[in-house]
Amino acid sequence: MKLTLDDIRYCLEGSIPAVISTCARDGIPNVAYISQAYYVDARHVALSFQFFNKTRINILDNPWATLLVLHPVTAQFYRLHIRYLRTESEGPLFEGMKAQLAGIASHSGMADVFRLRGSDVYEVREIEEVAGEPLPAPPPRSGVLGAVRRGSERLSRCTSLGEALNCVLATLSDFLGVRHAMVLLLDPATQRLYTVASCGYATSGVGSEIEMGDGVIGVAARERTPVRIRHMTQAYLYSRAVRSSLRADAPDLALHTDIPYPGLAEPHSQMAVPVESSGRLLGVLFVESPDEQQFSYEDEDALVALAGHLGAAIELMQTNDETGEAAAAIGDVPAATGAALQLRHFAINHSVFINDVYLIKGVAGAIFWRLVKDYAQQGRTEFSNRELRLDPSIQLPDVSDNLEARLLLLQRRLIEHGPHIRMEKTGRGRFRLVVQRPLEFGDDS
């Protein structure tokens, strides 16, 4: 049976360097180690271009080469006959290889030496199994496709964004053995990713932010490609959340607007895949582990499938989250008792503080300020998504406003802040604001 790259994909995980043989114009061969042989698709591999050496000179003169790869478990060698096509120095393929190479370099103590200059793409013309006495192959992994199926079935029964996010995290934990994971959504206005759900961490980190292009998560979002690292690397550790722009305007509070990021202190395996729908980036699904070699290409395939289902669910829920009615009714409001809550709002970025403790900012902060103002001035407790979309003061983006995601973020931040103000869903596109303490306002517009 003719071998394909899919049959030997475990040889292309970066565990063991490959060997490439090229030939100069005068017919003199050259053999060298290649740090990284990377699976592109069923007919192409990419090799890491790091140094302008004899191999590079030869391949630019003569595009034909032979690549020797080794299965990391069975020690079976495979010989690939390949033809050079092009070099990519930016984009999804380059960034995916760059991230993986950073892990390989750190693992081998070569972090200061390994630097990816380009991804050399080759067409694979033939694959040969080299004669030898390999070790027994490990049993095929089972359950990955079943996990995706169960996750898809669970998602199909979800009726809210919160349920969908919890469903994805539960699928990872229950069926794929992933202990640490999070979902981040994109704020189209700021082009930052904010955490809306997580599992396995001491704190949820809901509301913490990552810049586009920052670390594993940010690169996966910017390039819209899976990024997977199987070894510890300092080069691709995500950074802390960006500090608030309030710094210059409210120095006494600015240092308290960071929401701590929930990630592991020393992750040894990480993977991030984009969440997309209808050609638009919605967010990122991210997993990590304190152990090395935890996420294979099969895990990557499973996460990409789950992210696709999640993206479709988010899109559908955003379309169907309205009742078409405004919730303008004013009913009897239970009297709030106890010490008053001091609320402050900074119009520069809609940051909100309760008793000088940071709550939320951005569009979610503008929504919260609108809700508590209506409560205080009109006694309103019932609201609808539709009326918020029609309110120009909230400044929702014209395209993909992610209103339900912002409401979920606000709801979860209020839960973490304390029991005195909370939001309760009362129906499709409707919710209630519950206030148990008197409110006192300070607006630093």
Protein backbone atom coordinates (compact mmCIF):
# COMPACT_ATOMS: atom_id res chain seq x y z
CA MET A 1 0.00 0.00 0.00
CA LYS A 2 1.30 3.45 -0.93
CA LEU A 3 2.26 5.48 2.14
CA THR A 4 0.94 9.00 2.69
CA LEU A 5 1.97 11.78 5.04
CA ASP A 6 -1.11 11.04 7.14
CA ASP A 7 0.29 7.54 7.75
CA ILE A 8 3.54 8.92 9.19
CA ARG A 9 2.28 12.12 10.81
CA TYR A 10 3.76 11.16 14.20
CA CYS A 11 7.18 11.53 12.56
CA LEU A 12 6.39 15.20 11.91
CA GLU A 13 5.71 16.30 15.48
CA GLY A 14 9.16 17.80 16.07
CA SER A 15 10.24 15.18 18.61
CA ILE A 16 13.33 14.06 16.65
CA PRO A 17 15.30 16.10 14.08
CA ALA A 18 15.01 15.02 10.45
CA VAL A 19 17.94 14.49 8.05
CA ILE A 20 17.96 16.13 4.62
CA SER A 21 20.16 15.26 1.67
CA THR A 22 20.67 17.80 -1.13
CA CYS A 23 22.93 18.00 -4.13
CA ALA A 24 25.00 20.91 -5.47
CA ARG A 25 25.28 21.89 -9.13
CA ASP A 26 28.55 19.99 -9.46
CA GLY A 27 26.94 16.81 -8.15
CA ILE A 28 28.47 16.85 -4.68
CA PRO A 29 25.88 15.74 -2.07
CA ASN A 30 25.37 17.34 1.31
CA VAL A 31 23.67 15.84 4.37
CA ALA A 32 22.44 17.91 7.31
CA TYR A 33 20.07 17.78 10.26
CA ILE A 34 16.85 19.81 10.09
CA SER A 35 15.35 21.01 13.37
CA GLN A 36 11.79 20.79 12.18
CA ALA A 37 9.83 18.81 9.60
CA TYR A 38 6.25 20.11 9.79
CA TYR A 39 3.05 18.58 8.43
CA VAL A 40 1.27 21.01 6.07
CA ASP A 41 -1.28 18.73 4.39
CA ALA A 42 -1.52 15.28 2.82
CA ARG A 43 0.95 16.22 0.05
CA HIS A 44 3.26 18.84 1.54
CA VAL A 45 5.77 19.26 4.36
CA ALA A 46 7.55 22.39 5.54
CA LEU A 47 11.15 22.43 6.75
CA SER A 48 12.60 25.08 9.03
CA PHE A 49 14.87 27.58 7.31
CA GLN A 50 17.19 28.88 10.04
CA PHE A 51 20.62 29.31 8.49
CA PHE A 52 21.90 30.27 5.05
CA ASN A 53 24.10 27.19 4.81
CA LYS A 54 25.11 24.63 2.21
CA THR A 55 21.68 22.98 2.32
CA ARG A 56 20.01 26.29 1.54
CA ILE A 57 22.40 27.06 -1.32
CA ASN A 58 21.90 23.61 -2.82
CA ILE A 59 18.12 23.66 -2.64
CA LEU A 60 17.93 27.04 -4.39
CA ASP A 61 20.06 25.62 -7.23
CA ASN A 62 18.46 22.17 -7.31
CA PRO A 63 14.96 21.79 -5.80
CA TRP A 64 15.07 18.00 -5.40
CA ALA A 65 15.99 16.50 -2.01
CA THR A 66 15.59 13.44 0.19
CA LEU A 67 14.31 13.67 3.75
CA LEU A 68 14.76 11.00 6.43
CA VAL A 69 12.32 11.03 9.35
CA LEU A 70 11.98 8.75 12.36
CA HIS A 71 8.92 7.56 14.26
CA PRO A 72 9.51 8.61 17.90
CA VAL A 73 8.01 5.41 19.36
CA THR A 74 8.74 2.57 16.91
CA ALA A 75 12.10 3.94 15.66
CA GLN A 76 10.97 3.19 12.11
CA PHE A 77 12.72 5.31 9.46
CA TYR A 78 10.92 6.71 6.43
CA ARG A 79 12.54 8.24 3.35
CA LEU A 80 10.67 11.08 1.64
CA HIS A 81 11.50 12.22 -1.89
CA ILE A 82 10.63 15.90 -1.95
CA ARG A 83 10.72 18.94 -4.25
CA TYR A 84 11.17 22.51 -3.01
CA LEU A 85 8.33 24.89 -3.94
CA ARG A 86 8.61 28.15 -1.97
CA THR A 87 9.56 29.86 1.29
CA GLU A 88 7.01 31.59 3.52
CA SER A 89 8.28 34.16 6.03
CA GLU A 90 4.92 35.24 7.45
CA GLY A 91 1.38 33.98 7.83
CA PRO A 92 -0.29 30.98 9.52
CA LEU A 93 2.23 28.31 8.49
CA PHE A 94 5.22 30.41 9.49
CA GLU A 95 3.73 31.34 12.86
CA GLY A 96 2.72 27.76 13.64
CA MET A 97 6.24 26.54 12.92
CA LYS A 98 7.78 29.44 14.81
CA ALA A 99 5.82 28.54 17.94
CA GLN A 100 6.71 24.86 17.71
CA LEU A 101 10.37 25.63 17.03
CA ALA A 102 10.47 27.86 20.12
CA GLY A 103 9.43 24.86 22.20
CA ILE A 104 11.96 22.57 20.51
CA ALA A 105 14.72 25.14 21.03
CA SER A 106 13.97 25.64 24.73
CA HIS A 107 13.74 21.89 25.29
CA SER A 108 17.15 21.33 23.68
CA GLY A 109 18.84 24.33 25.31
CA MET A 110 19.17 26.16 21.99
CA ALA A 111 16.73 29.01 22.57
CA ASP A 112 19.39 31.63 21.82
CA VAL A 113 20.47 29.88 18.59
CA PHE A 114 17.26 28.71 16.92
CA ARG A 115 15.49 31.44 14.99
CA LEU A 116 13.09 30.69 12.19
CA ARG A 117 13.83 32.74 9.07
CA GLY A 118 11.29 31.01 6.87
CA SER A 119 9.15 27.94 6.25
CA ASP A 120 10.40 26.02 3.22
CA VAL A 121 7.45 24.23 1.63
CA TYR A 122 8.09 20.98 -0.26
CA GLU A 123 5.89 18.73 -2.32
CA VAL A 124 6.20 15.09 -1.25
CA ARG A 125 6.52 12.90 -4.35
CA GLU A 126 7.13 9.51 -2.71
CA ILE A 127 7.47 7.93 0.75
CA GLU A 128 9.51 4.78 1.37
CA GLU A 129 9.68 2.63 4.50
CA VAL A 130 13.34 1.99 5.29
CA ALA A 131 14.14 -1.66 6.02
CA GLY A 132 14.90 -2.40 9.67
CA GLU A 133 13.53 -3.92 12.86
CA PRO A 134 11.22 -1.33 14.38
CA LEU A 135 9.62 -1.65 17.79
CA PRO A 136 5.95 -2.62 18.08
CA ALA A 137 3.58 0.20 17.23
CA PRO A 138 1.51 1.57 20.12
CA PRO A 139 -2.21 0.75 20.04
CA PRO A 140 -4.19 3.32 18.08
CA ARG A 141 -5.68 6.03 20.20
CA SER A 142 -9.41 5.67 20.66
CA GLY A 143 -12.11 8.00 21.81
CA VAL A 144 -11.07 11.26 20.12
CA LEU A 145 -13.75 11.17 17.46
CA GLY A 146 -16.26 10.02 20.06
CA ALA A 147 -15.37 13.00 22.23
CA VAL A 148 -16.04 15.37 19.34
CA ARG A 149 -19.36 13.65 18.70
CA ARG A 150 -20.44 13.94 22.34
CA GLY A 151 -19.38 17.58 22.41
CA SER A 152 -21.36 18.28 19.27
CA GLU A 153 -24.44 16.58 20.72
CA ARG A 154 -24.13 18.59 23.93
CA LEU A 155 -23.74 21.85 22.03
CA SER A 156 -26.84 21.14 19.95
CA ARG A 157 -28.91 21.14 23.15
CA CYS A 158 -27.54 24.45 24.51
CA THR A 159 -29.87 27.43 24.59
CA SER A 160 -27.51 30.14 25.88
CA LEU A 161 -23.92 31.23 25.42
CA GLY A 162 -23.08 30.34 29.03
CA GLU A 163 -24.33 26.78 28.50
CA ALA A 164 -22.34 26.47 25.25
CA LEU A 165 -19.09 27.62 26.86
CA ASN A 166 -19.54 25.30 29.83
CA CYS A 167 -20.37 22.46 27.45
CA VAL A 168 -17.11 22.85 25.51
CA LEU A 169 -15.02 22.98 28.69
CA ALA A 170 -16.84 19.94 30.11
CA THR A 171 -16.24 18.01 26.87
CA LEU A 172 -12.52 18.71 27.08
CA SER A 173 -12.40 17.65 30.72
CA ASP A 174 -14.72 14.64 30.57
CA PHE A 175 -13.69 13.04 27.28
CA LEU A 176 -10.24 14.36 26.32
CA GLY A 177 -8.57 14.53 29.74
CA VAL A 178 -7.82 18.26 29.49
CA ARG A 179 -7.65 19.77 32.98
CA HIS A 180 -6.81 23.38 32.13
CA ALA A 181 -8.68 25.27 29.44
CA MET A 182 -10.29 28.60 28.66
CA VAL A 183 -12.34 30.35 26.02
CA LEU A 184 -11.59 33.92 24.99
CA LEU A 185 -13.76 36.06 22.72
CA LEU A 186 -12.71 38.93 20.49
CA ASP A 187 -13.73 42.52 21.16
CA PRO A 188 -13.95 43.92 17.60
CA ALA A 189 -13.59 47.51 18.81
CA THR A 190 -10.35 47.09 20.77
CA GLN A 191 -9.06 44.01 18.88
CA ARG A 192 -8.31 42.33 22.20
CA LEU A 193 -9.35 38.92 23.43
CA TYR A 194 -11.11 38.66 26.78
CA THR A 195 -11.62 35.55 28.88
CA VAL A 196 -15.26 34.50 29.24
CA ALA A 197 -14.90 30.95 30.64
CA SER A 198 -12.20 28.72 32.11
CA CYS A 199 -11.71 25.50 34.05
CA GLY A 200 -8.97 23.98 36.19
CA TYR A 201 -7.53 27.21 37.60
CA ALA A 202 -7.54 28.66 41.11
CA THR A 203 -9.29 31.79 39.77
CA SER A 204 -11.51 32.04 36.71
CA GLY A 205 -9.75 35.05 35.19
CA VAL A 206 -13.02 36.13 33.57
CA GLY A 207 -12.42 39.53 31.98
CA SER A 208 -8.63 39.21 31.68
CA GLU A 209 -7.31 40.33 28.31
CA ILE A 210 -4.77 39.28 25.68
CA GLU A 211 -3.55 41.43 22.81
CA MET A 212 -3.80 40.13 19.25
CA GLY A 213 -0.45 38.53 18.39
CA ASP A 214 0.56 38.15 22.04
CA GLY A 215 1.79 34.64 22.87
CA VAL A 216 0.20 31.38 21.81
CA ILE A 217 -3.35 32.71 22.15
CA GLY A 218 -2.76 36.00 20.38
CA VAL A 219 -0.86 34.42 17.48
CA ALA A 220 -3.62 31.83 16.94
CA ALA A 221 -6.13 34.69 16.80
CA ARG A 222 -4.09 37.00 14.56
CA GLU A 223 -3.13 34.31 12.07
CA ARG A 224 -6.36 32.30 12.43
CA THR A 225 -4.41 29.08 12.71
CA PRO A 226 -3.88 26.43 15.38
CA VAL A 227 -0.71 26.97 17.42
CA ARG A 228 0.63 24.00 19.36
CA ILE A 229 3.68 23.72 21.64
CA ARG A 230 4.72 20.45 23.29
CA HIS A 231 7.72 21.72 25.28
CA MET A 232 8.17 24.53 27.78
CA THR A 233 9.27 27.79 26.15
CA GLN A 234 9.73 31.28 27.46
CA ALA A 235 9.44 32.73 23.96
CA TYR A 236 5.73 31.95 23.63
CA LEU A 237 4.40 32.27 27.15
CA TYR A 238 1.39 34.56 27.16
CA SER A 239 1.85 37.88 28.88
CA ARG A 240 -0.13 39.47 31.66
CA ALA A 241 -3.27 41.40 30.80
CA VAL A 242 -2.59 44.86 29.43
CA ARG A 243 -3.02 47.54 32.04
CA SER A 244 -5.94 49.90 31.70
CA SER A 245 -5.75 53.20 29.82
CA LEU A 246 -7.04 54.80 33.03
CA ARG A 247 -3.44 55.04 34.25
CA ALA A 248 -2.97 58.68 33.25
CA ASP A 249 -6.43 59.80 34.32
CA ALA A 250 -6.84 57.98 37.60
CA PRO A 251 -3.43 56.93 38.92
CA ASP A 252 -4.88 56.00 42.30
CA LEU A 253 -7.06 53.33 40.69
CA ALA A 254 -5.27 52.43 37.46
CA LEU A 255 -3.05 49.78 39.00
CA HIS A 256 -6.14 47.89 40.11
CA THR A 257 -7.75 47.44 36.69
CA ASP A 258 -5.83 44.29 35.78
CA ILE A 259 -7.84 41.10 36.12
CA PRO A 260 -5.30 38.36 36.93
CA TYR A 261 -4.75 35.93 34.08
CA PRO A 262 -5.71 32.40 35.15
CA GLY A 263 -3.01 30.47 33.24
CA LEU A 264 -0.48 28.02 34.63
CA ALA A 265 2.72 29.51 36.00
CA GLU A 266 4.89 27.01 34.09
CA PRO A 267 2.98 25.32 31.27
CA HIS A 268 4.92 22.67 29.36
CA SER A 269 2.33 22.03 26.66
CA GLN A 270 -0.03 24.57 25.12
CA MET A 271 -2.45 24.72 22.22
CA ALA A 272 -4.72 27.45 20.91
CA VAL A 273 -7.19 27.23 18.02
CA PRO A 274 -9.29 30.06 16.56
CA VAL A 275 -13.06 30.09 16.93
CA GLU A 276 -14.58 31.30 13.66
CA SER A 277 -17.93 31.50 11.90
CA SER A 278 -18.91 32.80 8.46
CA GLY A 279 -15.32 33.85 7.84
CA ARG A 280 -15.14 36.01 10.98
CA LEU A 281 -12.90 35.51 13.99
CA LEU A 282 -14.98 35.18 17.17
CA GLY A 283 -12.35 34.08 19.68
CA VAL A 284 -9.89 31.39 20.73
CA LEU A 285 -10.17 28.01 22.45
CA PHE A 286 -7.05 27.38 24.55
CA VAL A 287 -5.73 24.38 26.49
CA GLU A 288 -2.51 23.77 28.43
CA SER A 289 -0.80 21.26 30.67
CA PRO A 290 2.05 21.23 33.21
CA ASP A 291 3.40 18.11 31.42
CA GLU A 292 5.32 17.91 28.17
CA GLN A 293 4.18 16.12 25.00
CA GLN A 294 0.54 16.34 26.02
CA PHE A 295 -1.18 17.53 22.86
CA SER A 296 -0.80 15.61 19.61
CA TYR A 297 -2.14 16.42 16.17
CA GLU A 298 -5.19 14.32 17.07
CA ASP A 299 -5.94 16.68 19.96
CA GLU A 300 -5.47 19.58 17.57
CA ASP A 301 -7.96 18.06 15.11
CA ALA A 302 -10.47 17.55 17.95
CA LEU A 303 -10.10 21.13 19.21
CA VAL A 304 -10.50 22.57 15.72
CA ALA A 305 -13.73 20.57 15.30
CA LEU A 306 -15.08 21.68 18.70
CA ALA A 307 -14.12 25.29 17.98
CA GLY A 308 -16.04 25.11 14.72
CA HIS A 309 -19.17 23.84 16.49
CA LEU A 310 -18.78 26.53 19.16
CA GLY A 311 -18.42 29.26 16.53
CA ALA A 312 -21.62 28.16 14.82
CA ALA A 313 -23.43 28.04 18.17
CA ILE A 314 -22.27 31.56 19.11
CA GLU A 315 -23.40 32.91 15.75
CA LEU A 316 -26.81 31.27 16.06
CA MET A 317 -27.34 32.47 19.62
CA GLN A 318 -26.36 36.01 18.70
CA THR A 319 -28.98 35.96 15.93
CA ASN A 320 -31.74 34.50 18.11
CA ASP A 321 -31.15 36.22 21.46
CA GLU A 322 -33.93 38.82 21.10
CA THR A 323 -37.63 38.64 21.89
CA GLY A 324 -38.42 41.66 19.75
CA GLU A 325 -39.91 43.42 22.77
CA ALA A 326 -38.51 46.09 25.05
CA ALA A 327 -38.64 45.30 28.75
CA ALA A 328 -39.82 48.66 29.96
CA ALA A 329 -42.20 47.58 32.69
CA ILE A 330 -41.57 48.99 36.15
CA GLY A 331 -42.74 46.82 38.99
CA ASP A 332 -42.43 46.81 42.74
CA VAL A 333 -38.75 46.83 43.60
CA PRO A 334 -37.72 45.24 46.92
CA ALA A 335 -36.09 47.79 49.15
CA ALA A 336 -32.30 47.61 49.19
CA THR A 337 -30.88 47.59 52.71
CA GLY A 338 -27.52 47.76 54.42
CA ALA A 339 -24.41 49.82 53.72
CA ALA A 340 -24.48 51.66 50.41
CA LEU A 341 -22.33 50.48 47.49
CA GLN A 342 -20.11 53.24 46.12
CA LEU A 343 -20.12 53.09 42.30
CA ARG A 344 -17.64 55.03 40.15
CA HIS A 345 -17.57 55.25 36.38
CA PHE A 346 -14.76 56.55 34.14
CA ALA A 347 -16.11 57.63 30.77
CA ILE A 348 -12.71 57.43 29.08
CA ASN A 349 -13.08 53.67 28.73
CA HIS A 350 -16.26 52.94 30.74
CA SER A 351 -14.34 51.40 33.65
CA VAL A 352 -16.53 50.77 36.68
CA PHE A 353 -15.49 50.36 40.32
CA ILE A 354 -17.61 49.16 43.22
CA ASN A 355 -16.29 50.33 46.60
CA ASP A 356 -13.04 51.23 44.80
CA VAL A 357 -12.63 47.64 43.56
CA TYR A 358 -12.42 47.25 39.79
CA LEU A 359 -15.37 45.46 38.18
CA ILE A 360 -15.40 45.82 34.40
CA LYS A 361 -14.65 48.19 31.52
CA GLY A 362 -15.40 48.73 27.85
CA VAL A 363 -18.81 47.95 26.39
CA ALA A 364 -19.67 45.71 29.35
CA GLY A 365 -18.90 48.64 31.66
CA ALA A 366 -21.13 50.94 29.62
CA ILE A 367 -23.94 48.38 29.82
CA PHE A 368 -23.60 48.06 33.58
CA TRP A 369 -23.67 51.84 34.06
CA ARG A 370 -26.82 52.09 31.95
CA LEU A 371 -28.52 49.34 33.99
CA VAL A 372 -27.73 50.75 37.43
CA LYS A 373 -28.66 54.29 36.35
CA ASP A 374 -32.06 53.09 35.11
CA TYR A 375 -32.51 51.16 38.34
CA ALA A 376 -31.68 54.17 40.50
CA GLN A 377 -33.63 56.76 38.49
CA GLN A 378 -36.66 54.73 37.36
CA GLY A 379 -36.75 51.68 39.61
CA ARG A 380 -36.30 49.40 36.62
CA THR A 381 -35.13 45.83 37.12
CA GLU A 382 -36.26 44.14 33.88
CA PHE A 383 -34.27 44.66 30.66
CA SER A 384 -33.98 43.21 27.16
CA ASN A 385 -31.09 42.65 24.78
CA ARG A 386 -32.99 44.50 22.07
CA GLU A 387 -33.19 47.79 23.96
CA LEU A 388 -29.48 47.65 24.72
CA ARG A 389 -28.71 47.20 21.02
CA LEU A 390 -30.79 50.27 20.23
CA ASP A 391 -29.10 52.45 22.87
CA PRO A 392 -26.41 54.62 21.17
CA SER A 393 -24.77 55.47 24.51
CA ILE A 394 -23.49 51.90 24.84
CA GLN A 395 -21.63 52.18 21.52
CA LEU A 396 -21.99 48.60 20.35
CA PRO A 397 -20.06 47.84 17.15
CA ASP A 398 -22.16 47.83 13.99
CA VAL A 399 -20.97 44.35 13.01
CA SER A 400 -20.76 41.36 15.36
CA ASP A 401 -21.58 43.19 18.57
CA ASN A 402 -21.29 40.00 20.71
CA LEU A 403 -23.85 41.47 23.08
CA GLU A 404 -24.68 38.16 24.73
CA ALA A 405 -20.97 37.54 25.35
CA ARG A 406 -20.61 40.95 27.00
CA LEU A 407 -23.67 40.34 29.17
CA LEU A 408 -22.28 36.93 30.18
CA LEU A 409 -18.93 38.52 31.03
CA LEU A 410 -20.67 41.15 33.16
CA GLN A 411 -22.84 38.55 34.87
CA ARG A 412 -19.83 36.42 35.81
CA ARG A 413 -17.78 39.40 36.99
CA LEU A 414 -20.66 40.45 39.25
CA ILE A 415 -20.83 36.94 40.72
CA GLU A 416 -17.11 37.05 41.50
CA HIS A 417 -17.35 40.56 42.93
CA GLY A 418 -20.01 39.70 45.52
CA PRO A 419 -23.68 38.91 46.12
CA HIS A 420 -25.10 42.43 46.35
CA ILE A 421 -25.65 43.05 42.61
CA ARG A 422 -26.37 40.29 40.15
CA MET A 423 -28.03 39.58 36.81
CA GLU A 424 -30.59 36.81 36.27
CA LYS A 425 -31.75 35.54 32.89
CA THR A 426 -35.56 35.61 32.71
CA GLY A 427 -36.10 34.41 29.14
CA ARG A 428 -34.71 34.58 25.62
CA GLY A 429 -33.14 38.00 25.27
CA ARG A 430 -34.38 39.17 28.68
CA PHE A 431 -32.79 39.49 32.12
CA ARG A 432 -33.32 41.01 35.55
CA LEU A 433 -31.01 43.21 37.64
CA VAL A 434 -31.10 42.30 41.34
CA VAL A 435 -29.75 44.95 43.75
CA GLN A 436 -29.58 44.21 47.49
CA ARG A 437 -27.77 47.33 48.74
CA PRO A 438 -28.44 51.07 48.24
CA LEU A 439 -26.32 52.62 45.49
CA GLU A 440 -24.31 55.85 45.57
CA PHE A 441 -22.85 57.15 42.31
CA GLY A 442 -19.66 58.89 41.36
CA ASP A 443 -19.20 59.65 37.66
CA ASP A 444 -15.71 60.75 36.59
CA SER A 445 -16.74 61.69 33.09
